[in-house]
Amino acid sequence: MSKPLKNMNPLDLYSNDIMFNVIRNDEIIGRHLVTFSHIENDKIRVKARLNLQVNFLSFPIYKFDYRSEAVWHKGKLKNLYSNQNDDGDKVSVKVFADNDSLVIKTQDTEIRTNLDALPTNHWNVKVLEKKQVINTLTGELSSVVIAGFGKEKIKAHGKFIYANKYKYTGDIQALVWYSDAGNWVKMQFEGKDGSTIKYECVECGLK
């Protein structure tokens, strides 16, 4: 994917949804689900839901719940609302277009950025072209450097494929993989406790 990336209709790329198992220490601790639907005037609604629960001796010791809903039009974000409950700590983020900028609001802050800014919803492969992204967990503008590391054989959608590997550094630290067509197919990052968290694709639009 060295050529300039085109705006793609996620319904063409993924059909109706994406689903990942979230894995920690070889154990599934949750699922990340993204659903796409057409609404009026060629707009697309994108809903995301992430639920995590870590147990010790069958008792829950950590819970995380994230939900967001966004509207996109011709590859541009029009609005986004997210809510998260991080083991009791709650954060809400609101993003909306206002004249020539996007406004990002939390309970405590308000930031403006350009209309082409993209959120940290990794299904959109055009994020690879960005040096700043809207962090939908914190409501901050995160500065990132995203570097390609070539192709790597991974498991996705119940089979082995070769995918393009990218590394985020800067305010966000993560590894993300995409198919040649631009499908988000894997992710890996370090959890708050230092453990490795992996996203393994159950459904990600692979043909």
N, C-alpha and C. Protein backbone atom coordinates (compact mmCIF):
# COMPACT_ATOMS: atom_id res chain seq x y z
N MET A 1 0.83 -1.20 0.00
CA MET A 1 0.00 0.00 0.00
C MET A 1 0.86 1.25 0.00
N SER A 2 1.79 1.34 -0.93
CA SER A 2 2.67 2.49 -1.03
C SER A 2 2.03 3.63 -1.82
N LYS A 3 1.01 3.35 -2.62
CA LYS A 3 0.33 4.37 -3.39
C LYS A 3 -0.61 5.16 -2.48
N PRO A 4 -0.98 6.41 -2.89
CA PRO A 4 -1.95 7.17 -2.11
C PRO A 4 -3.23 6.36 -1.91
N LEU A 5 -3.74 6.37 -0.69
CA LEU A 5 -4.90 5.55 -0.36
C LEU A 5 -6.18 6.28 -0.75
N LYS A 6 -7.10 5.55 -1.33
CA LYS A 6 -8.36 6.12 -1.75
C LYS A 6 -9.40 5.97 -0.65
N ASN A 7 -10.38 6.91 -0.65
CA ASN A 7 -11.52 6.75 0.24
C ASN A 7 -12.36 5.57 -0.25
N MET A 8 -12.55 4.59 0.63
CA MET A 8 -13.30 3.41 0.26
C MET A 8 -14.58 3.34 1.08
N ASN A 9 -15.62 2.84 0.47
CA ASN A 9 -16.87 2.62 1.18
C ASN A 9 -16.68 1.41 2.09
N PRO A 10 -16.78 1.57 3.41
CA PRO A 10 -16.55 0.42 4.29
C PRO A 10 -17.54 -0.71 4.09
N LEU A 11 -18.73 -0.39 3.55
CA LEU A 11 -19.70 -1.46 3.28
C LEU A 11 -19.24 -2.32 2.12
N ASP A 12 -18.49 -1.75 1.18
CA ASP A 12 -17.91 -2.55 0.10
C ASP A 12 -16.75 -3.39 0.60
N LEU A 13 -15.99 -2.82 1.53
CA LEU A 13 -14.79 -3.50 2.01
C LEU A 13 -15.10 -4.57 3.05
N TYR A 14 -15.98 -4.23 3.98
CA TYR A 14 -16.24 -5.13 5.11
C TYR A 14 -17.63 -5.76 5.11
N SER A 15 -18.50 -5.37 4.21
CA SER A 15 -19.91 -5.75 4.27
C SER A 15 -20.54 -5.03 5.47
N ASN A 16 -21.19 -5.75 6.38
CA ASN A 16 -21.95 -5.08 7.44
C ASN A 16 -21.21 -4.94 8.76
N ASP A 17 -20.20 -5.78 8.99
CA ASP A 17 -19.57 -5.69 10.31
C ASP A 17 -18.16 -6.26 10.32
N ILE A 18 -17.44 -5.89 11.39
CA ILE A 18 -16.12 -6.43 11.70
C ILE A 18 -16.20 -6.97 13.12
N MET A 19 -15.53 -8.10 13.37
CA MET A 19 -15.49 -8.62 14.73
C MET A 19 -14.10 -9.15 15.03
N PHE A 20 -13.57 -8.77 16.19
CA PHE A 20 -12.29 -9.28 16.67
C PHE A 20 -12.46 -9.91 18.04
N ASN A 21 -11.80 -11.04 18.26
CA ASN A 21 -11.58 -11.52 19.62
C ASN A 21 -10.41 -10.75 20.22
N VAL A 22 -10.55 -10.36 21.48
CA VAL A 22 -9.46 -9.68 22.18
C VAL A 22 -8.81 -10.70 23.12
N ILE A 23 -7.50 -10.88 22.96
CA ILE A 23 -6.80 -11.98 23.63
C ILE A 23 -5.70 -11.43 24.53
N ARG A 24 -5.64 -11.96 25.75
CA ARG A 24 -4.59 -11.63 26.72
C ARG A 24 -4.12 -12.93 27.35
N ASN A 25 -2.81 -13.16 27.32
CA ASN A 25 -2.24 -14.40 27.90
C ASN A 25 -2.95 -15.64 27.34
N ASP A 26 -3.17 -15.64 26.03
CA ASP A 26 -3.80 -16.76 25.31
C ASP A 26 -5.24 -17.01 25.73
N GLU A 27 -5.86 -16.05 26.37
CA GLU A 27 -7.25 -16.19 26.80
C GLU A 27 -8.09 -15.08 26.19
N ILE A 28 -9.28 -15.42 25.66
CA ILE A 28 -10.18 -14.41 25.12
C ILE A 28 -10.81 -13.65 26.29
N ILE A 29 -10.58 -12.33 26.33
CA ILE A 29 -11.13 -11.52 27.42
C ILE A 29 -12.23 -10.58 26.94
N GLY A 30 -12.53 -10.59 25.64
CA GLY A 30 -13.58 -9.72 25.15
C GLY A 30 -13.68 -9.72 23.65
N ARG A 31 -14.56 -8.86 23.14
CA ARG A 31 -14.76 -8.74 21.70
C ARG A 31 -14.92 -7.29 21.31
N HIS A 32 -14.44 -7.00 20.11
CA HIS A 32 -14.59 -5.67 19.53
C HIS A 32 -15.43 -5.83 18.27
N LEU A 33 -16.57 -5.16 18.22
CA LEU A 33 -17.50 -5.27 17.10
C LEU A 33 -17.72 -3.90 16.49
N VAL A 34 -17.63 -3.82 15.16
CA VAL A 34 -17.92 -2.59 14.42
C VAL A 34 -18.98 -2.92 13.38
N THR A 35 -20.05 -2.12 13.32
CA THR A 35 -21.12 -2.36 12.34
C THR A 35 -21.28 -1.11 11.47
N PHE A 36 -21.60 -1.34 10.19
CA PHE A 36 -21.77 -0.28 9.20
C PHE A 36 -23.17 -0.34 8.63
N SER A 37 -23.77 0.83 8.40
CA SER A 37 -25.10 0.87 7.77
C SER A 37 -25.28 2.16 7.01
N HIS A 38 -26.00 2.07 5.88
CA HIS A 38 -26.34 3.27 5.10
C HIS A 38 -27.44 4.04 5.80
N ILE A 39 -27.30 5.37 5.81
CA ILE A 39 -28.41 6.22 6.23
C ILE A 39 -28.65 7.24 5.13
N GLU A 40 -29.40 8.30 5.40
CA GLU A 40 -29.83 9.21 4.34
C GLU A 40 -28.67 9.95 3.70
N ASN A 41 -28.90 10.35 2.44
CA ASN A 41 -27.95 11.20 1.69
C ASN A 41 -26.56 10.58 1.58
N ASP A 42 -26.51 9.28 1.33
CA ASP A 42 -25.25 8.57 1.12
C ASP A 42 -24.31 8.60 2.32
N LYS A 43 -24.85 8.87 3.49
CA LYS A 43 -24.04 8.84 4.70
C LYS A 43 -23.98 7.41 5.25
N ILE A 44 -22.93 7.16 6.02
CA ILE A 44 -22.74 5.83 6.61
C ILE A 44 -22.63 5.97 8.12
N ARG A 45 -23.41 5.18 8.83
CA ARG A 45 -23.33 5.15 10.29
C ARG A 45 -22.40 4.01 10.70
N VAL A 46 -21.48 4.31 11.61
CA VAL A 46 -20.54 3.31 12.11
C VAL A 46 -20.68 3.22 13.63
N LYS A 47 -21.02 2.03 14.10
CA LYS A 47 -21.14 1.80 15.54
C LYS A 47 -20.04 0.84 15.98
N ALA A 48 -19.41 1.15 17.11
CA ALA A 48 -18.36 0.29 17.65
C ALA A 48 -18.69 -0.06 19.09
N ARG A 49 -18.35 -1.28 19.47
CA ARG A 49 -18.58 -1.74 20.85
C ARG A 49 -17.41 -2.63 21.25
N LEU A 50 -16.82 -2.32 22.40
CA LEU A 50 -15.73 -3.13 22.95
C LEU A 50 -16.03 -3.45 24.40
N ASN A 51 -16.05 -4.73 24.71
CA ASN A 51 -16.24 -5.20 26.08
C ASN A 51 -15.07 -6.08 26.48
N LEU A 52 -14.47 -5.78 27.62
CA LEU A 52 -13.37 -6.58 28.15
C LEU A 52 -13.65 -6.95 29.60
N GLN A 53 -13.23 -8.13 29.98
CA GLN A 53 -13.31 -8.53 31.38
C GLN A 53 -12.16 -9.48 31.69
N VAL A 54 -11.36 -9.11 32.69
CA VAL A 54 -10.25 -9.95 33.15
C VAL A 54 -10.64 -10.58 34.47
N ASN A 55 -10.51 -11.90 34.55
CA ASN A 55 -10.89 -12.63 35.77
C ASN A 55 -9.66 -13.19 36.48
N PHE A 56 -9.79 -13.37 37.78
CA PHE A 56 -8.80 -14.08 38.57
C PHE A 56 -9.55 -15.05 39.47
N LEU A 57 -9.25 -16.34 39.31
CA LEU A 57 -9.96 -17.38 40.06
C LEU A 57 -11.47 -17.25 39.86
N SER A 58 -11.85 -16.99 38.61
CA SER A 58 -13.25 -16.88 38.18
C SER A 58 -13.95 -15.61 38.65
N PHE A 59 -13.23 -14.73 39.33
CA PHE A 59 -13.82 -13.47 39.78
C PHE A 59 -13.32 -12.32 38.89
N PRO A 60 -14.22 -11.43 38.45
CA PRO A 60 -13.79 -10.31 37.62
C PRO A 60 -12.95 -9.32 38.43
N ILE A 61 -11.76 -8.99 37.91
CA ILE A 61 -10.90 -8.01 38.58
C ILE A 61 -10.72 -6.76 37.74
N TYR A 62 -11.17 -6.78 36.50
CA TYR A 62 -11.09 -5.60 35.65
C TYR A 62 -12.15 -5.68 34.57
N LYS A 63 -12.85 -4.54 34.35
CA LYS A 63 -13.86 -4.46 33.29
C LYS A 63 -13.67 -3.18 32.50
N PHE A 64 -13.91 -3.28 31.20
CA PHE A 64 -13.82 -2.12 30.32
C PHE A 64 -14.96 -2.19 29.31
N ASP A 65 -15.66 -1.08 29.15
CA ASP A 65 -16.76 -1.02 28.19
C ASP A 65 -16.63 0.27 27.38
N TYR A 66 -16.65 0.13 26.04
CA TYR A 66 -16.54 1.28 25.15
C TYR A 66 -17.62 1.18 24.08
N ARG A 67 -18.27 2.30 23.82
CA ARG A 67 -19.27 2.36 22.76
C ARG A 67 -19.10 3.67 22.00
N SER A 68 -19.24 3.61 20.69
CA SER A 68 -19.21 4.84 19.90
C SER A 68 -20.15 4.72 18.72
N GLU A 69 -20.60 5.87 18.25
CA GLU A 69 -21.43 5.95 17.05
C GLU A 69 -20.96 7.15 16.25
N ALA A 70 -20.73 6.94 14.96
CA ALA A 70 -20.22 8.01 14.11
C ALA A 70 -21.00 8.05 12.79
N VAL A 71 -20.98 9.21 12.16
CA VAL A 71 -21.56 9.39 10.82
C VAL A 71 -20.46 9.89 9.90
N TRP A 72 -20.33 9.23 8.75
CA TRP A 72 -19.33 9.57 7.74
C TRP A 72 -20.03 9.92 6.43
N HIS A 73 -19.39 10.81 5.64
CA HIS A 73 -19.91 11.15 4.32
C HIS A 73 -18.74 11.38 3.38
N LYS A 74 -18.68 10.58 2.35
CA LYS A 74 -17.61 10.67 1.34
C LYS A 74 -16.22 10.66 1.97
N GLY A 75 -16.05 9.77 2.91
CA GLY A 75 -14.74 9.58 3.53
C GLY A 75 -14.39 10.56 4.63
N LYS A 76 -15.30 11.48 4.95
CA LYS A 76 -15.03 12.47 6.00
C LYS A 76 -15.93 12.23 7.20
N LEU A 77 -15.35 12.40 8.38
CA LEU A 77 -16.11 12.26 9.62
C LEU A 77 -17.00 13.47 9.83
N LYS A 78 -18.29 13.25 10.05
CA LYS A 78 -19.23 14.33 10.30
C LYS A 78 -19.51 14.51 11.79
N ASN A 79 -19.66 13.42 12.50
CA ASN A 79 -19.81 13.48 13.95
C ASN A 79 -19.51 12.13 14.57
N LEU A 80 -19.16 12.16 15.83
CA LEU A 80 -18.85 10.93 16.56
C LEU A 80 -19.14 11.16 18.04
N TYR A 81 -19.75 10.18 18.67
CA TYR A 81 -20.01 10.22 20.10
C TYR A 81 -19.49 8.91 20.70
N SER A 82 -18.68 9.02 21.74
CA SER A 82 -18.18 7.81 22.39
C SER A 82 -18.31 7.93 23.89
N ASN A 83 -18.54 6.77 24.51
CA ASN A 83 -18.60 6.67 25.97
C ASN A 83 -17.81 5.45 26.39
N GLN A 84 -17.02 5.60 27.45
CA GLN A 84 -16.29 4.46 27.96
C GLN A 84 -16.37 4.42 29.48
N ASN A 85 -16.33 3.21 30.00
CA ASN A 85 -16.27 2.97 31.44
C ASN A 85 -15.06 2.08 31.68
N ASP A 86 -13.98 2.69 32.13
CA ASP A 86 -12.73 1.98 32.36
C ASP A 86 -12.64 1.58 33.83
N ASP A 87 -13.29 0.46 34.14
CA ASP A 87 -13.29 -0.05 35.51
C ASP A 87 -13.78 1.00 36.51
N GLY A 88 -14.80 1.75 36.11
CA GLY A 88 -15.39 2.75 36.98
C GLY A 88 -15.06 4.18 36.60
N ASP A 89 -13.97 4.38 35.84
CA ASP A 89 -13.62 5.72 35.37
C ASP A 89 -14.32 5.97 34.03
N LYS A 90 -15.18 6.99 33.99
CA LYS A 90 -16.00 7.22 32.81
C LYS A 90 -15.52 8.45 32.04
N VAL A 91 -15.50 8.30 30.70
CA VAL A 91 -15.11 9.39 29.81
C VAL A 91 -16.07 9.42 28.63
N SER A 92 -16.52 10.62 28.26
CA SER A 92 -17.35 10.80 27.07
C SER A 92 -16.65 11.75 26.12
N VAL A 93 -16.70 11.44 24.83
CA VAL A 93 -16.08 12.27 23.80
C VAL A 93 -17.11 12.58 22.73
N LYS A 94 -17.17 13.83 22.32
CA LYS A 94 -18.08 14.26 21.27
C LYS A 94 -17.27 14.97 20.19
N VAL A 95 -17.46 14.58 18.93
CA VAL A 95 -16.77 15.20 17.81
C VAL A 95 -17.84 15.64 16.80
N PHE A 96 -17.73 16.86 16.30
CA PHE A 96 -18.70 17.31 15.30
C PHE A 96 -18.08 18.37 14.41
N ALA A 97 -18.58 18.44 13.18
CA ALA A 97 -18.10 19.43 12.21
C ALA A 97 -18.72 20.78 12.52
N ASP A 98 -17.88 21.84 12.47
CA ASP A 98 -18.34 23.20 12.70
C ASP A 98 -17.60 24.12 11.73
N ASN A 99 -18.29 24.54 10.68
CA ASN A 99 -17.68 25.37 9.63
C ASN A 99 -16.48 24.65 9.02
N ASP A 100 -15.28 25.18 9.20
CA ASP A 100 -14.11 24.61 8.53
C ASP A 100 -13.24 23.78 9.47
N SER A 101 -13.83 23.26 10.54
CA SER A 101 -13.04 22.45 11.47
C SER A 101 -13.90 21.40 12.15
N LEU A 102 -13.22 20.43 12.78
CA LEU A 102 -13.88 19.47 13.65
C LEU A 102 -13.64 19.91 15.09
N VAL A 103 -14.69 19.86 15.89
CA VAL A 103 -14.61 20.19 17.30
C VAL A 103 -14.61 18.89 18.10
N ILE A 104 -13.67 18.78 19.04
CA ILE A 104 -13.57 17.60 19.90
C ILE A 104 -13.83 18.05 21.33
N LYS A 105 -14.88 17.53 21.96
CA LYS A 105 -15.25 17.96 23.29
C LYS A 105 -15.29 16.79 24.27
N THR A 106 -14.78 17.03 25.46
CA THR A 106 -14.97 16.11 26.59
C THR A 106 -15.62 16.90 27.71
N GLN A 107 -15.73 16.28 28.88
CA GLN A 107 -16.31 17.00 30.02
C GLN A 107 -15.48 18.21 30.39
N ASP A 108 -14.17 18.17 30.08
CA ASP A 108 -13.26 19.21 30.56
C ASP A 108 -12.57 20.02 29.47
N THR A 109 -12.59 19.56 28.23
CA THR A 109 -11.79 20.21 27.20
C THR A 109 -12.57 20.41 25.91
N GLU A 110 -12.11 21.34 25.09
CA GLU A 110 -12.63 21.54 23.74
C GLU A 110 -11.45 21.87 22.83
N ILE A 111 -11.29 21.09 21.77
CA ILE A 111 -10.18 21.24 20.83
C ILE A 111 -10.75 21.33 19.42
N ARG A 112 -10.08 22.12 18.57
CA ARG A 112 -10.46 22.18 17.16
C ARG A 112 -9.33 21.61 16.31
N THR A 113 -9.72 20.92 15.25
CA THR A 113 -8.74 20.39 14.31
C THR A 113 -9.33 20.45 12.91
N ASN A 114 -8.58 20.04 11.90
CA ASN A 114 -9.04 20.18 10.52
C ASN A 114 -10.09 19.13 10.17
N LEU A 115 -10.84 19.41 9.12
CA LEU A 115 -11.95 18.54 8.72
C LEU A 115 -11.50 17.18 8.21
N ASP A 116 -10.22 17.06 7.83
CA ASP A 116 -9.71 15.79 7.33
C ASP A 116 -9.18 14.89 8.44
N ALA A 117 -9.26 15.31 9.69
CA ALA A 117 -8.75 14.51 10.80
C ALA A 117 -9.53 13.20 10.90
N LEU A 118 -8.83 12.16 11.31
CA LEU A 118 -9.44 10.84 11.45
C LEU A 118 -9.34 10.37 12.90
N PRO A 119 -10.34 9.62 13.36
CA PRO A 119 -10.30 9.07 14.72
C PRO A 119 -9.52 7.76 14.76
N THR A 120 -9.24 7.32 15.97
CA THR A 120 -8.52 6.06 16.18
C THR A 120 -9.48 4.87 16.09
N ASN A 121 -10.19 4.79 14.99
CA ASN A 121 -11.03 3.61 14.70
C ASN A 121 -10.36 2.92 13.54
N HIS A 122 -9.58 1.91 13.80
CA HIS A 122 -8.58 1.43 12.86
C HIS A 122 -9.13 0.81 11.58
N TRP A 123 -10.44 0.69 11.44
CA TRP A 123 -11.00 0.12 10.22
C TRP A 123 -10.69 0.99 9.00
N ASN A 124 -10.41 2.29 9.21
CA ASN A 124 -10.16 3.20 8.09
C ASN A 124 -8.67 3.25 7.77
N VAL A 125 -8.26 2.57 6.70
CA VAL A 125 -6.84 2.44 6.38
C VAL A 125 -6.18 3.78 6.06
N LYS A 126 -6.96 4.82 5.73
CA LYS A 126 -6.37 6.12 5.43
C LYS A 126 -5.70 6.75 6.65
N VAL A 127 -5.95 6.21 7.82
CA VAL A 127 -5.27 6.70 9.02
C VAL A 127 -3.75 6.56 8.88
N LEU A 128 -3.30 5.65 8.02
CA LEU A 128 -1.86 5.44 7.84
C LEU A 128 -1.17 6.68 7.27
N GLU A 129 -1.92 7.58 6.67
CA GLU A 129 -1.35 8.80 6.09
C GLU A 129 -1.25 9.94 7.10
N LYS A 130 -1.77 9.75 8.30
CA LYS A 130 -1.89 10.84 9.26
C LYS A 130 -0.72 10.90 10.24
N LYS A 131 -0.44 12.11 10.70
CA LYS A 131 0.55 12.33 11.76
C LYS A 131 -0.11 12.75 13.07
N GLN A 132 -1.40 13.03 13.00
CA GLN A 132 -2.22 13.30 14.18
C GLN A 132 -3.54 12.59 14.01
N VAL A 133 -4.06 12.02 15.10
CA VAL A 133 -5.35 11.33 15.06
C VAL A 133 -6.17 11.75 16.28
N ILE A 134 -7.48 11.67 16.14
CA ILE A 134 -8.39 11.96 17.25
C ILE A 134 -8.48 10.72 18.12
N ASN A 135 -8.02 10.82 19.35
CA ASN A 135 -8.08 9.68 20.27
C ASN A 135 -9.47 9.63 20.87
N THR A 136 -10.26 8.64 20.45
CA THR A 136 -11.65 8.57 20.91
C THR A 136 -11.78 8.02 22.32
N LEU A 137 -10.67 7.58 22.91
CA LEU A 137 -10.69 7.14 24.31
C LEU A 137 -10.50 8.32 25.26
N THR A 138 -9.70 9.32 24.83
CA THR A 138 -9.35 10.42 25.73
C THR A 138 -9.89 11.77 25.28
N GLY A 139 -10.26 11.89 24.00
CA GLY A 139 -10.67 13.17 23.47
C GLY A 139 -9.51 14.08 23.13
N GLU A 140 -8.31 13.54 23.05
CA GLU A 140 -7.11 14.31 22.74
C GLU A 140 -6.73 14.15 21.28
N LEU A 141 -5.90 15.07 20.79
CA LEU A 141 -5.25 14.90 19.50
C LEU A 141 -3.92 14.22 19.76
N SER A 142 -3.76 13.01 19.25
CA SER A 142 -2.54 12.23 19.50
C SER A 142 -1.61 12.34 18.31
N SER A 143 -0.36 12.70 18.58
CA SER A 143 0.66 12.75 17.54
C SER A 143 1.27 11.37 17.37
N VAL A 144 1.36 10.92 16.11
CA VAL A 144 1.84 9.56 15.85
C VAL A 144 2.79 9.55 14.65
N VAL A 145 3.68 8.58 14.66
CA VAL A 145 4.47 8.23 13.49
C VAL A 145 4.10 6.80 13.15
N ILE A 146 3.67 6.56 11.92
CA ILE A 146 3.24 5.22 11.50
C ILE A 146 4.18 4.73 10.41
N ALA A 147 4.91 3.66 10.70
CA ALA A 147 5.92 3.14 9.77
C ALA A 147 5.55 1.73 9.33
N GLY A 148 5.79 1.44 8.05
CA GLY A 148 5.52 0.12 7.51
C GLY A 148 6.68 -0.83 7.74
N PHE A 149 6.35 -2.11 8.00
CA PHE A 149 7.36 -3.13 8.25
C PHE A 149 7.20 -4.33 7.32
N GLY A 150 6.61 -4.10 6.15
CA GLY A 150 6.49 -5.15 5.16
C GLY A 150 5.38 -6.13 5.46
N LYS A 151 5.39 -7.23 4.70
CA LYS A 151 4.35 -8.24 4.85
C LYS A 151 4.74 -9.26 5.90
N GLU A 152 3.70 -9.82 6.54
CA GLU A 152 3.91 -10.83 7.57
C GLU A 152 2.76 -11.83 7.51
N LYS A 153 3.06 -13.09 7.74
CA LYS A 153 2.02 -14.11 7.75
C LYS A 153 1.31 -14.11 9.09
N ILE A 154 -0.02 -13.94 9.05
CA ILE A 154 -0.81 -13.90 10.27
C ILE A 154 -2.05 -14.77 10.10
N LYS A 155 -2.74 -15.02 11.19
CA LYS A 155 -4.01 -15.72 11.15
C LYS A 155 -5.13 -14.70 11.24
N ALA A 156 -6.06 -14.76 10.29
CA ALA A 156 -7.21 -13.85 10.28
C ALA A 156 -8.37 -14.54 9.60
N HIS A 157 -9.55 -14.36 10.13
CA HIS A 157 -10.75 -14.93 9.53
C HIS A 157 -10.62 -16.46 9.39
N GLY A 158 -9.95 -17.08 10.36
CA GLY A 158 -9.84 -18.53 10.38
C GLY A 158 -8.86 -19.13 9.39
N LYS A 159 -8.00 -18.28 8.81
CA LYS A 159 -7.02 -18.80 7.85
C LYS A 159 -5.74 -17.98 7.94
N PHE A 160 -4.69 -18.44 7.30
CA PHE A 160 -3.43 -17.71 7.30
C PHE A 160 -3.34 -16.86 6.03
N ILE A 161 -2.95 -15.60 6.22
CA ILE A 161 -2.82 -14.68 5.10
C ILE A 161 -1.53 -13.88 5.28
N TYR A 162 -1.09 -13.23 4.21
CA TYR A 162 0.00 -12.27 4.31
C TYR A 162 -0.61 -10.88 4.39
N ALA A 163 -0.24 -10.13 5.44
CA ALA A 163 -0.80 -8.81 5.67
C ALA A 163 0.33 -7.79 5.85
N ASN A 164 0.01 -6.53 5.61
CA ASN A 164 0.96 -5.44 5.75
C ASN A 164 1.01 -4.96 7.19
N LYS A 165 2.20 -4.95 7.77
CA LYS A 165 2.38 -4.62 9.18
C LYS A 165 2.83 -3.17 9.34
N TYR A 166 2.21 -2.46 10.30
CA TYR A 166 2.55 -1.07 10.58
C TYR A 166 2.73 -0.89 12.08
N LYS A 167 3.65 0.00 12.42
CA LYS A 167 3.93 0.28 13.83
C LYS A 167 3.63 1.74 14.14
N TYR A 168 2.81 1.96 15.18
CA TYR A 168 2.56 3.29 15.70
C TYR A 168 3.58 3.60 16.80
N THR A 169 4.19 4.77 16.72
CA THR A 169 4.97 5.30 17.83
C THR A 169 4.52 6.74 18.08
N GLY A 170 4.95 7.31 19.21
CA GLY A 170 4.49 8.64 19.58
C GLY A 170 3.50 8.52 20.73
N ASP A 171 2.41 9.28 20.65
CA ASP A 171 1.41 9.25 21.72
C ASP A 171 0.66 7.93 21.78
N ILE A 172 0.64 7.18 20.68
CA ILE A 172 0.00 5.86 20.64
C ILE A 172 1.06 4.83 20.25
N GLN A 173 1.09 3.74 20.98
CA GLN A 173 2.04 2.66 20.71
C GLN A 173 1.23 1.41 20.35
N ALA A 174 1.39 0.94 19.13
CA ALA A 174 0.61 -0.23 18.70
C ALA A 174 1.18 -0.80 17.42
N LEU A 175 0.83 -2.05 17.14
CA LEU A 175 1.08 -2.69 15.86
C LEU A 175 -0.27 -2.96 15.22
N VAL A 176 -0.39 -2.65 13.92
CA VAL A 176 -1.64 -2.86 13.20
C VAL A 176 -1.33 -3.48 11.85
N TRP A 177 -2.18 -4.42 11.41
CA TRP A 177 -2.01 -5.10 10.14
C TRP A 177 -3.21 -4.86 9.24
N TYR A 178 -2.95 -4.69 7.92
CA TYR A 178 -4.00 -4.50 6.92
C TYR A 178 -3.75 -5.44 5.74
N SER A 179 -4.84 -5.89 5.12
CA SER A 179 -4.72 -6.65 3.88
C SER A 179 -4.34 -5.70 2.75
N ASP A 180 -3.97 -6.27 1.60
CA ASP A 180 -3.64 -5.43 0.44
C ASP A 180 -4.83 -4.57 0.01
N ALA A 181 -6.04 -5.06 0.24
CA ALA A 181 -7.23 -4.29 -0.14
C ALA A 181 -7.54 -3.18 0.85
N GLY A 182 -6.93 -3.23 2.04
CA GLY A 182 -7.17 -2.20 3.05
C GLY A 182 -7.99 -2.66 4.23
N ASN A 183 -8.28 -3.96 4.33
CA ASN A 183 -9.02 -4.48 5.48
C ASN A 183 -8.14 -4.47 6.72
N TRP A 184 -8.70 -3.97 7.82
CA TRP A 184 -8.04 -4.08 9.12
C TRP A 184 -8.17 -5.53 9.58
N VAL A 185 -7.03 -6.22 9.81
CA VAL A 185 -7.09 -7.66 10.07
C VAL A 185 -6.44 -8.09 11.39
N LYS A 186 -5.68 -7.19 12.05
CA LYS A 186 -5.05 -7.57 13.31
C LYS A 186 -4.55 -6.32 14.02
N MET A 187 -4.43 -6.43 15.35
CA MET A 187 -3.83 -5.34 16.12
C MET A 187 -3.19 -5.93 17.37
N GLN A 188 -2.17 -5.24 17.88
CA GLN A 188 -1.48 -5.67 19.09
C GLN A 188 -0.95 -4.44 19.83
N PHE A 189 -1.09 -4.43 21.14
CA PHE A 189 -0.57 -3.32 21.94
C PHE A 189 -0.35 -3.81 23.37
N GLU A 190 0.28 -2.97 24.17
CA GLU A 190 0.56 -3.32 25.56
C GLU A 190 -0.53 -2.79 26.47
N GLY A 191 -1.07 -3.66 27.33
CA GLY A 191 -2.09 -3.25 28.28
C GLY A 191 -1.50 -2.45 29.43
N LYS A 192 -2.36 -1.88 30.25
CA LYS A 192 -1.90 -1.07 31.37
C LYS A 192 -1.01 -1.84 32.34
N ASP A 193 -1.23 -3.16 32.44
CA ASP A 193 -0.45 -3.98 33.36
C ASP A 193 0.80 -4.56 32.72
N GLY A 194 1.09 -4.14 31.49
CA GLY A 194 2.27 -4.63 30.80
C GLY A 194 2.05 -5.88 29.98
N SER A 195 0.86 -6.46 30.05
CA SER A 195 0.56 -7.67 29.27
C SER A 195 0.33 -7.30 27.81
N THR A 196 0.51 -8.28 26.92
CA THR A 196 0.29 -8.08 25.49
C THR A 196 -1.17 -8.36 25.15
N ILE A 197 -1.82 -7.39 24.52
CA ILE A 197 -3.22 -7.52 24.10
C ILE A 197 -3.23 -7.68 22.58
N LYS A 198 -3.91 -8.71 22.11
CA LYS A 198 -3.99 -8.98 20.68
C LYS A 198 -5.45 -8.98 20.22
N TYR A 199 -5.65 -8.41 19.04
CA TYR A 199 -6.93 -8.48 18.34
C TYR A 199 -6.80 -9.52 17.24
N GLU A 200 -7.61 -10.57 17.29
CA GLU A 200 -7.61 -11.60 16.27
C GLU A 200 -8.93 -11.55 15.50
N CYS A 201 -8.83 -11.38 14.18
CA CYS A 201 -10.02 -11.20 13.35
C CYS A 201 -10.89 -12.46 13.31
N VAL A 202 -12.16 -12.27 13.62
CA VAL A 202 -13.18 -13.31 13.42
C VAL A 202 -13.91 -13.04 12.10
N GLU A 203 -14.23 -11.77 11.86
CA GLU A 203 -14.87 -11.34 10.62
C GLU A 203 -14.29 -9.98 10.25
N CYS A 204 -13.60 -9.91 9.11
CA CYS A 204 -13.01 -8.62 8.71
C CYS A 204 -13.09 -8.42 7.20
N GLY A 205 -14.05 -9.07 6.56
CA GLY A 205 -14.34 -8.77 5.16
C GLY A 205 -13.41 -9.44 4.15
N LEU A 206 -12.56 -10.36 4.60
CA LEU A 206 -11.66 -11.02 3.66
C LEU A 206 -12.42 -11.90 2.72
N LYS A 207 -12.06 -11.86 1.46
CA LYS A 207 -12.74 -12.66 0.45
C LYS A 207 -12.10 -14.05 0.36
